[in-house]
Amino acid sequence: MSKNNEMQVLVGRTEQLISALTSAILSSAEVAAERIELAAEVARVEQRMSAFAAVLESVGAQKETLAKRVPKATGPMKTLLLKQIAMLATQEVAILSKAGVAEPTAVAALAAVDAPSEPAPTPVSGTHKRDGRRFVRLAQGTNGTAGDATDTKDGHHEN
């Protein structure tokens, strides 16, 4: 009878193993299905953002073209160009709003982007000049033009 008991124990263990494997396979399938759903959602969002970016790029190009024409325009033509630019700016805000950007944030961002760039600073006589994010020491007797700075191997500028 001990062989019968051993066989029943073995069959019971086998059933437990099969049950555990079945549960693991089902769990893996559920996780895979969730990953597929998430991947599909990510792809949908990426596609939507790409479409918004393409439209924004197109509207920006149109605005830039019109803005180049404004200085030469006079009278009603200038008014028309400025109105078209304002309408395109409204379109940009609407597109950004659809993309999830709050309207005040979109308006502020567009104002910052559309603001005329600051003119390059004029060279100042002195001991240092700005080079990107850092200051470089000028060689003595220079006027702050390019090629006047000396550089050391550790990234600090010296005389």
N, C-alpha and C. Protein backbone atom coordinates (compact mmCIF):
# COMPACT_ATOMS: atom_id res chain seq x y z
N MET A 1 0.82 -1.20 0.00
CA MET A 1 0.00 0.00 0.00
C MET A 1 0.85 1.25 0.00
N SER A 2 2.04 1.14 0.40
CA SER A 2 2.88 2.31 0.43
C SER A 2 3.13 2.83 -0.98
N LYS A 3 3.15 1.91 -1.96
CA LYS A 3 3.32 2.37 -3.34
C LYS A 3 2.09 3.14 -3.78
N ASN A 4 0.92 2.72 -3.32
CA ASN A 4 -0.31 3.43 -3.65
C ASN A 4 -0.30 4.83 -3.04
N ASN A 5 0.14 4.94 -1.77
CA ASN A 5 0.23 6.24 -1.10
C ASN A 5 1.26 7.13 -1.79
N GLU A 6 2.38 6.55 -2.13
CA GLU A 6 3.41 7.32 -2.83
C GLU A 6 2.90 7.82 -4.17
N MET A 7 2.14 6.98 -4.85
CA MET A 7 1.59 7.37 -6.15
C MET A 7 0.57 8.50 -5.98
N GLN A 8 -0.25 8.43 -4.95
CA GLN A 8 -1.25 9.48 -4.69
C GLN A 8 -0.55 10.80 -4.34
N VAL A 9 0.50 10.72 -3.54
CA VAL A 9 1.28 11.91 -3.19
C VAL A 9 1.91 12.50 -4.45
N LEU A 10 2.47 11.63 -5.28
CA LEU A 10 3.09 12.06 -6.52
C LEU A 10 2.06 12.70 -7.46
N VAL A 11 0.90 12.10 -7.58
CA VAL A 11 -0.17 12.65 -8.42
C VAL A 11 -0.63 13.99 -7.86
N GLY A 12 -0.75 14.09 -6.54
CA GLY A 12 -1.16 15.34 -5.90
C GLY A 12 -0.14 16.46 -6.16
N ARG A 13 1.14 16.11 -6.02
CA ARG A 13 2.19 17.10 -6.30
C ARG A 13 2.19 17.51 -7.76
N THR A 14 1.99 16.56 -8.63
CA THR A 14 1.93 16.86 -10.06
C THR A 14 0.77 17.80 -10.36
N GLU A 15 -0.38 17.54 -9.75
CA GLU A 15 -1.54 18.41 -9.96
C GLU A 15 -1.26 19.82 -9.44
N GLN A 16 -0.59 19.92 -8.28
CA GLN A 16 -0.22 21.23 -7.73
C GLN A 16 0.76 21.96 -8.67
N LEU A 17 1.71 21.21 -9.19
CA LEU A 17 2.69 21.79 -10.11
C LEU A 17 2.00 22.28 -11.38
N ILE A 18 1.11 21.48 -11.92
CA ILE A 18 0.38 21.88 -13.13
C ILE A 18 -0.49 23.10 -12.84
N SER A 19 -1.13 23.13 -11.70
CA SER A 19 -1.96 24.27 -11.31
C SER A 19 -1.11 25.53 -11.18
N ALA A 20 0.06 25.41 -10.55
CA ALA A 20 0.95 26.56 -10.39
C ALA A 20 1.46 27.05 -11.74
N LEU A 21 1.82 26.10 -12.62
CA LEU A 21 2.27 26.49 -13.97
C LEU A 21 1.15 27.16 -14.75
N THR A 22 -0.05 26.64 -14.64
CA THR A 22 -1.20 27.23 -15.33
C THR A 22 -1.44 28.65 -14.84
N SER A 23 -1.38 28.84 -13.53
CA SER A 23 -1.55 30.18 -12.95
C SER A 23 -0.46 31.14 -13.43
N ALA A 24 0.77 30.64 -13.45
CA ALA A 24 1.89 31.47 -13.92
C ALA A 24 1.72 31.85 -15.38
N ILE A 25 1.31 30.90 -16.20
CA ILE A 25 1.10 31.17 -17.62
C ILE A 25 -0.03 32.18 -17.81
N LEU A 26 -1.13 32.00 -17.07
CA LEU A 26 -2.25 32.95 -17.18
C LEU A 26 -1.83 34.34 -16.71
N SER A 27 -1.06 34.40 -15.62
CA SER A 27 -0.58 35.69 -15.14
C SER A 27 0.34 36.35 -16.16
N SER A 28 1.20 35.56 -16.76
CA SER A 28 2.09 36.09 -17.80
C SER A 28 1.29 36.60 -18.99
N ALA A 29 0.26 35.86 -19.35
CA ALA A 29 -0.59 36.29 -20.47
C ALA A 29 -1.31 37.59 -20.13
N GLU A 30 -1.79 37.72 -18.88
CA GLU A 30 -2.46 38.96 -18.46
C GLU A 30 -1.49 40.13 -18.48
N VAL A 31 -0.29 39.90 -17.98
CA VAL A 31 0.73 40.96 -17.97
C VAL A 31 1.09 41.34 -19.40
N ALA A 32 1.24 40.35 -20.26
CA ALA A 32 1.57 40.64 -21.66
C ALA A 32 0.45 41.44 -22.31
N ALA A 33 -0.80 41.09 -22.01
CA ALA A 33 -1.93 41.83 -22.58
C ALA A 33 -1.92 43.27 -22.08
N GLU A 34 -1.62 43.47 -20.79
CA GLU A 34 -1.53 44.83 -20.26
C GLU A 34 -0.40 45.60 -20.92
N ARG A 35 0.74 44.95 -21.11
CA ARG A 35 1.86 45.62 -21.76
C ARG A 35 1.52 46.00 -23.19
N ILE A 36 0.79 45.13 -23.87
CA ILE A 36 0.38 45.44 -25.25
C ILE A 36 -0.55 46.64 -25.24
N GLU A 37 -1.50 46.67 -24.30
CA GLU A 37 -2.41 47.81 -24.21
C GLU A 37 -1.64 49.09 -23.90
N LEU A 38 -0.69 49.02 -22.96
CA LEU A 38 0.10 50.20 -22.63
C LEU A 38 0.96 50.65 -23.80
N ALA A 39 1.55 49.71 -24.49
CA ALA A 39 2.38 50.05 -25.65
C ALA A 39 1.52 50.70 -26.74
N ALA A 40 0.32 50.20 -26.92
CA ALA A 40 -0.58 50.79 -27.92
C ALA A 40 -0.97 52.20 -27.51
N GLU A 41 -1.22 52.42 -26.23
CA GLU A 41 -1.58 53.75 -25.75
C GLU A 41 -0.40 54.72 -25.90
N VAL A 42 0.80 54.26 -25.58
CA VAL A 42 1.99 55.10 -25.74
C VAL A 42 2.18 55.47 -27.22
N ALA A 43 2.00 54.50 -28.10
CA ALA A 43 2.14 54.75 -29.53
C ALA A 43 1.10 55.76 -30.00
N ARG A 44 -0.12 55.63 -29.48
CA ARG A 44 -1.19 56.57 -29.86
C ARG A 44 -0.84 57.99 -29.40
N VAL A 45 -0.35 58.12 -28.17
CA VAL A 45 0.02 59.44 -27.66
C VAL A 45 1.19 60.02 -28.45
N GLU A 46 2.20 59.19 -28.74
CA GLU A 46 3.34 59.66 -29.53
C GLU A 46 2.90 60.12 -30.91
N GLN A 47 1.99 59.38 -31.51
CA GLN A 47 1.49 59.74 -32.84
C GLN A 47 0.74 61.06 -32.78
N ARG A 48 -0.07 61.22 -31.74
CA ARG A 48 -0.84 62.46 -31.57
C ARG A 48 0.10 63.65 -31.37
N MET A 49 1.14 63.47 -30.53
CA MET A 49 2.07 64.56 -30.28
C MET A 49 2.88 64.90 -31.54
N SER A 50 3.19 63.89 -32.33
CA SER A 50 3.89 64.14 -33.60
C SER A 50 3.01 64.95 -34.54
N ALA A 51 1.72 64.63 -34.57
CA ALA A 51 0.80 65.38 -35.42
C ALA A 51 0.71 66.83 -34.95
N PHE A 52 0.61 67.04 -33.62
CA PHE A 52 0.58 68.41 -33.10
C PHE A 52 1.86 69.15 -33.45
N ALA A 53 3.00 68.48 -33.32
CA ALA A 53 4.28 69.11 -33.63
C ALA A 53 4.35 69.51 -35.10
N ALA A 54 3.85 68.65 -35.98
CA ALA A 54 3.87 68.96 -37.41
C ALA A 54 3.00 70.18 -37.71
N VAL A 55 1.84 70.24 -37.09
CA VAL A 55 0.94 71.38 -37.32
C VAL A 55 1.56 72.65 -36.75
N LEU A 56 2.13 72.55 -35.55
CA LEU A 56 2.79 73.73 -34.96
C LEU A 56 3.94 74.22 -35.82
N GLU A 57 4.69 73.29 -36.36
CA GLU A 57 5.82 73.66 -37.23
C GLU A 57 5.32 74.39 -38.47
N SER A 58 4.25 73.90 -39.04
CA SER A 58 3.66 74.52 -40.23
C SER A 58 3.15 75.93 -39.92
N VAL A 59 2.43 76.06 -38.81
CA VAL A 59 1.90 77.37 -38.43
C VAL A 59 3.06 78.32 -38.12
N GLY A 60 4.09 77.84 -37.46
CA GLY A 60 5.25 78.67 -37.16
C GLY A 60 5.95 79.16 -38.43
N ALA A 61 6.04 78.29 -39.42
CA ALA A 61 6.67 78.68 -40.69
C ALA A 61 5.84 79.75 -41.39
N GLN A 62 4.51 79.60 -41.34
CA GLN A 62 3.63 80.60 -41.94
C GLN A 62 3.79 81.95 -41.24
N LYS A 63 3.84 81.91 -39.89
CA LYS A 63 4.02 83.15 -39.13
C LYS A 63 5.34 83.82 -39.47
N GLU A 64 6.39 83.03 -39.57
CA GLU A 64 7.71 83.57 -39.87
C GLU A 64 7.73 84.24 -41.24
N THR A 65 7.10 83.60 -42.21
CA THR A 65 7.04 84.17 -43.55
C THR A 65 6.30 85.50 -43.54
N LEU A 66 5.17 85.55 -42.84
CA LEU A 66 4.40 86.79 -42.76
C LEU A 66 5.16 87.87 -42.00
N ALA A 67 5.84 87.48 -40.93
CA ALA A 67 6.58 88.45 -40.12
C ALA A 67 7.71 89.09 -40.93
N LYS A 68 8.30 88.36 -41.85
CA LYS A 68 9.36 88.92 -42.69
C LYS A 68 8.80 89.96 -43.65
N ARG A 69 7.54 89.83 -43.99
CA ARG A 69 6.92 90.78 -44.92
C ARG A 69 6.43 92.04 -44.24
N VAL A 70 6.20 92.00 -42.92
CA VAL A 70 5.62 93.14 -42.20
C VAL A 70 6.47 94.41 -42.31
N PRO A 71 7.78 94.38 -42.12
CA PRO A 71 8.54 95.64 -42.17
C PRO A 71 8.42 96.39 -43.49
N LYS A 72 8.26 95.68 -44.59
CA LYS A 72 8.17 96.33 -45.90
C LYS A 72 6.75 96.76 -46.24
N ALA A 73 5.76 96.20 -45.52
CA ALA A 73 4.36 96.48 -45.83
C ALA A 73 3.96 97.84 -45.26
N THR A 74 2.96 98.44 -45.89
CA THR A 74 2.43 99.72 -45.43
C THR A 74 0.91 99.68 -45.48
N GLY A 75 0.30 100.57 -44.72
CA GLY A 75 -1.15 100.75 -44.75
C GLY A 75 -1.94 99.47 -44.45
N PRO A 76 -2.97 99.27 -45.28
CA PRO A 76 -3.86 98.12 -45.04
C PRO A 76 -3.15 96.77 -45.15
N MET A 77 -2.14 96.70 -46.00
CA MET A 77 -1.42 95.43 -46.14
C MET A 77 -0.71 95.06 -44.84
N LYS A 78 -0.12 96.05 -44.18
CA LYS A 78 0.54 95.79 -42.91
C LYS A 78 -0.47 95.34 -41.86
N THR A 79 -1.63 95.98 -41.85
CA THR A 79 -2.69 95.60 -40.92
C THR A 79 -3.15 94.18 -41.18
N LEU A 80 -3.30 93.82 -42.45
CA LEU A 80 -3.71 92.47 -42.82
C LEU A 80 -2.68 91.43 -42.38
N LEU A 81 -1.42 91.73 -42.62
CA LEU A 81 -0.36 90.80 -42.22
C LEU A 81 -0.34 90.60 -40.70
N LEU A 82 -0.46 91.70 -39.96
CA LEU A 82 -0.47 91.60 -38.50
C LEU A 82 -1.67 90.81 -38.00
N LYS A 83 -2.82 90.99 -38.65
CA LYS A 83 -4.02 90.24 -38.27
C LYS A 83 -3.83 88.75 -38.55
N GLN A 84 -3.24 88.42 -39.69
CA GLN A 84 -2.97 87.01 -40.00
C GLN A 84 -2.01 86.39 -38.99
N ILE A 85 -0.99 87.14 -38.60
CA ILE A 85 -0.04 86.64 -37.61
C ILE A 85 -0.74 86.40 -36.27
N ALA A 86 -1.63 87.32 -35.88
CA ALA A 86 -2.38 87.15 -34.63
C ALA A 86 -3.29 85.92 -34.70
N MET A 87 -3.89 85.68 -35.85
CA MET A 87 -4.76 84.50 -36.00
C MET A 87 -3.94 83.22 -35.92
N LEU A 88 -2.77 83.23 -36.53
CA LEU A 88 -1.90 82.06 -36.45
C LEU A 88 -1.44 81.81 -35.02
N ALA A 89 -1.18 82.89 -34.28
CA ALA A 89 -0.79 82.74 -32.87
C ALA A 89 -1.94 82.12 -32.07
N THR A 90 -3.17 82.50 -32.38
CA THR A 90 -4.34 81.91 -31.72
C THR A 90 -4.43 80.43 -32.04
N GLN A 91 -4.13 80.08 -33.29
CA GLN A 91 -4.11 78.66 -33.67
C GLN A 91 -3.06 77.89 -32.87
N GLU A 92 -1.89 78.48 -32.69
CA GLU A 92 -0.84 77.82 -31.93
C GLU A 92 -1.28 77.56 -30.49
N VAL A 93 -1.94 78.55 -29.88
CA VAL A 93 -2.42 78.37 -28.51
C VAL A 93 -3.46 77.25 -28.46
N ALA A 94 -4.36 77.20 -29.44
CA ALA A 94 -5.38 76.15 -29.48
C ALA A 94 -4.74 74.77 -29.63
N ILE A 95 -3.73 74.67 -30.47
CA ILE A 95 -3.05 73.39 -30.68
C ILE A 95 -2.36 72.95 -29.39
N LEU A 96 -1.65 73.87 -28.75
CA LEU A 96 -0.99 73.53 -27.50
C LEU A 96 -2.00 73.16 -26.42
N SER A 97 -3.15 73.82 -26.40
CA SER A 97 -4.20 73.47 -25.44
C SER A 97 -4.71 72.05 -25.67
N LYS A 98 -4.89 71.68 -26.94
CA LYS A 98 -5.32 70.32 -27.26
C LYS A 98 -4.26 69.29 -26.86
N ALA A 99 -3.00 69.72 -26.86
CA ALA A 99 -1.91 68.83 -26.48
C ALA A 99 -1.77 68.72 -24.97
N GLY A 100 -2.57 69.51 -24.23
CA GLY A 100 -2.55 69.40 -22.77
C GLY A 100 -1.82 70.52 -22.07
N VAL A 101 -1.40 71.55 -22.79
CA VAL A 101 -0.72 72.68 -22.18
C VAL A 101 -1.79 73.70 -21.78
N ALA A 102 -1.74 74.17 -20.55
CA ALA A 102 -2.69 75.17 -20.09
C ALA A 102 -2.56 76.43 -20.95
N GLU A 103 -3.69 77.08 -21.21
CA GLU A 103 -3.68 78.24 -22.11
C GLU A 103 -2.74 79.35 -21.65
N PRO A 104 -2.73 79.73 -20.36
CA PRO A 104 -1.79 80.78 -19.95
C PRO A 104 -0.32 80.37 -20.18
N THR A 105 -0.04 79.12 -19.95
CA THR A 105 1.32 78.63 -20.18
C THR A 105 1.67 78.67 -21.66
N ALA A 106 0.71 78.28 -22.51
CA ALA A 106 0.93 78.30 -23.95
C ALA A 106 1.17 79.72 -24.43
N VAL A 107 0.37 80.67 -23.94
CA VAL A 107 0.52 82.07 -24.34
C VAL A 107 1.89 82.60 -23.91
N ALA A 108 2.28 82.28 -22.68
CA ALA A 108 3.59 82.74 -22.18
C ALA A 108 4.73 82.12 -22.97
N ALA A 109 4.62 80.84 -23.29
CA ALA A 109 5.68 80.16 -24.05
C ALA A 109 5.80 80.75 -25.45
N LEU A 110 4.67 80.98 -26.09
CA LEU A 110 4.70 81.55 -27.44
C LEU A 110 5.24 82.97 -27.42
N ALA A 111 4.90 83.73 -26.38
CA ALA A 111 5.43 85.10 -26.28
C ALA A 111 6.94 85.07 -26.12
N ALA A 112 7.43 84.12 -25.35
CA ALA A 112 8.89 84.01 -25.16
C ALA A 112 9.58 83.60 -26.45
N VAL A 113 8.96 82.70 -27.20
CA VAL A 113 9.55 82.23 -28.45
C VAL A 113 9.49 83.31 -29.52
N ASP A 114 8.39 84.04 -29.56
CA ASP A 114 8.20 85.06 -30.59
C ASP A 114 8.92 86.37 -30.29
N ALA A 115 9.40 86.54 -29.04
CA ALA A 115 10.08 87.78 -28.68
C ALA A 115 11.34 87.92 -29.51
N PRO A 116 11.63 89.13 -29.96
CA PRO A 116 12.86 89.31 -30.74
C PRO A 116 14.07 88.95 -29.89
N SER A 117 15.02 88.31 -30.53
CA SER A 117 16.22 87.90 -29.78
C SER A 117 17.03 89.13 -29.40
N GLU A 118 17.70 89.03 -28.27
CA GLU A 118 18.51 90.13 -27.78
C GLU A 118 19.73 90.32 -28.68
N PRO A 119 20.11 91.57 -28.91
CA PRO A 119 21.31 91.77 -29.73
C PRO A 119 22.55 91.26 -28.99
N ALA A 120 23.54 90.90 -29.76
CA ALA A 120 24.79 90.39 -29.17
C ALA A 120 25.44 91.51 -28.37
N PRO A 121 25.95 91.18 -27.19
CA PRO A 121 26.57 92.23 -26.38
C PRO A 121 27.81 92.78 -27.08
N THR A 122 28.00 94.07 -26.90
CA THR A 122 29.17 94.69 -27.53
C THR A 122 30.39 94.40 -26.67
N PRO A 123 31.54 94.24 -27.30
CA PRO A 123 32.75 93.96 -26.54
C PRO A 123 33.06 95.10 -25.58
N VAL A 124 33.45 94.76 -24.38
CA VAL A 124 33.78 95.76 -23.38
C VAL A 124 35.26 95.58 -23.03
N SER A 125 35.93 96.71 -22.87
CA SER A 125 37.32 96.57 -22.48
C SER A 125 37.37 96.19 -21.02
N GLY A 126 38.25 95.30 -20.67
CA GLY A 126 38.36 94.84 -19.30
C GLY A 126 39.27 93.62 -19.26
N THR A 127 39.20 92.91 -18.16
CA THR A 127 40.09 91.76 -18.00
C THR A 127 39.42 90.44 -18.39
N HIS A 128 38.09 90.41 -18.50
CA HIS A 128 37.36 89.18 -18.82
C HIS A 128 36.28 89.46 -19.86
N LYS A 129 35.88 88.42 -20.55
CA LYS A 129 34.73 88.51 -21.45
C LYS A 129 33.94 87.22 -21.33
N ARG A 130 32.66 87.27 -21.67
CA ARG A 130 31.80 86.10 -21.60
C ARG A 130 32.09 85.19 -22.78
N ASP A 131 32.21 83.89 -22.50
CA ASP A 131 32.40 82.87 -23.52
C ASP A 131 31.39 81.76 -23.21
N GLY A 132 30.21 81.86 -23.81
CA GLY A 132 29.16 80.90 -23.48
C GLY A 132 28.69 81.12 -22.06
N ARG A 133 28.82 80.10 -21.21
CA ARG A 133 28.35 80.20 -19.83
C ARG A 133 29.44 80.64 -18.87
N ARG A 134 30.63 80.85 -19.33
CA ARG A 134 31.71 81.20 -18.41
C ARG A 134 32.43 82.45 -18.90
N PHE A 135 33.27 83.00 -18.03
CA PHE A 135 34.06 84.16 -18.36
C PHE A 135 35.49 83.71 -18.61
N VAL A 136 36.12 84.35 -19.59
CA VAL A 136 37.51 84.04 -19.89
C VAL A 136 38.35 85.29 -19.67
N ARG A 137 39.54 85.08 -19.19
CA ARG A 137 40.45 86.19 -18.95
C ARG A 137 41.09 86.57 -20.28
N LEU A 138 41.14 87.85 -20.54
CA LEU A 138 41.73 88.35 -21.77
C LEU A 138 43.23 88.53 -21.59
N ALA A 139 43.94 88.32 -22.67
CA ALA A 139 45.37 88.60 -22.65
C ALA A 139 45.56 90.10 -22.50
N GLN A 140 46.58 90.52 -21.84
CA GLN A 140 46.78 91.94 -21.60
C GLN A 140 46.96 92.69 -22.90
N GLY A 141 46.39 93.90 -22.94
CA GLY A 141 46.52 94.75 -24.11
C GLY A 141 45.57 94.39 -25.23
N THR A 142 44.46 93.69 -24.93
CA THR A 142 43.50 93.34 -25.97
C THR A 142 42.23 94.15 -25.78
N ASN A 143 41.36 94.10 -26.78
CA ASN A 143 40.12 94.86 -26.71
C ASN A 143 38.88 93.98 -26.60
N GLY A 144 39.03 92.72 -26.30
CA GLY A 144 37.87 91.85 -26.11
C GLY A 144 37.41 91.15 -27.37
N THR A 145 38.24 91.10 -28.39
CA THR A 145 37.83 90.42 -29.61
C THR A 145 38.17 88.95 -29.54
N ALA A 146 37.65 88.19 -30.48
CA ALA A 146 37.87 86.74 -30.48
C ALA A 146 39.35 86.43 -30.59
N GLY A 147 39.77 85.38 -29.93
CA GLY A 147 41.16 84.95 -30.01
C GLY A 147 42.05 85.62 -28.99
N ASP A 148 41.47 86.46 -28.10
CA ASP A 148 42.28 87.16 -27.12
C ASP A 148 42.42 86.38 -25.82
N ALA A 149 41.62 85.34 -25.61
CA ALA A 149 41.63 84.63 -24.34
C ALA A 149 42.66 83.51 -24.36
N THR A 150 43.16 83.21 -23.20
CA THR A 150 44.06 82.07 -23.08
C THR A 150 43.36 81.01 -22.27
N ASP A 151 43.63 79.75 -22.56
CA ASP A 151 42.92 78.63 -21.95
C ASP A 151 43.93 77.64 -21.40
N THR A 152 43.61 77.05 -20.23
CA THR A 152 44.48 76.02 -19.68
C THR A 152 43.80 74.68 -19.84
N LYS A 153 44.54 73.59 -19.61
CA LYS A 153 44.01 72.25 -19.85
C LYS A 153 42.86 71.87 -18.92
N ASP A 154 42.74 72.51 -17.74
CA ASP A 154 41.67 72.14 -16.81
C ASP A 154 40.41 72.95 -17.05
N GLY A 155 40.33 73.72 -18.13
CA GLY A 155 39.13 74.44 -18.48
C GLY A 155 39.07 75.84 -17.90
N HIS A 156 40.02 76.21 -17.05
CA HIS A 156 40.07 77.56 -16.52
C HIS A 156 40.95 78.40 -17.44
N HIS A 157 40.58 79.62 -17.57
CA HIS A 157 41.33 80.51 -18.45
C HIS A 157 42.30 81.32 -17.64
N GLU A 158 43.49 81.44 -18.14
CA GLU A 158 44.51 82.21 -17.45
C GLU A 158 45.24 83.12 -18.42
N ASN A 159 46.03 84.02 -17.88
CA ASN A 159 46.86 84.90 -18.69
C ASN A 159 48.03 84.19 -19.25
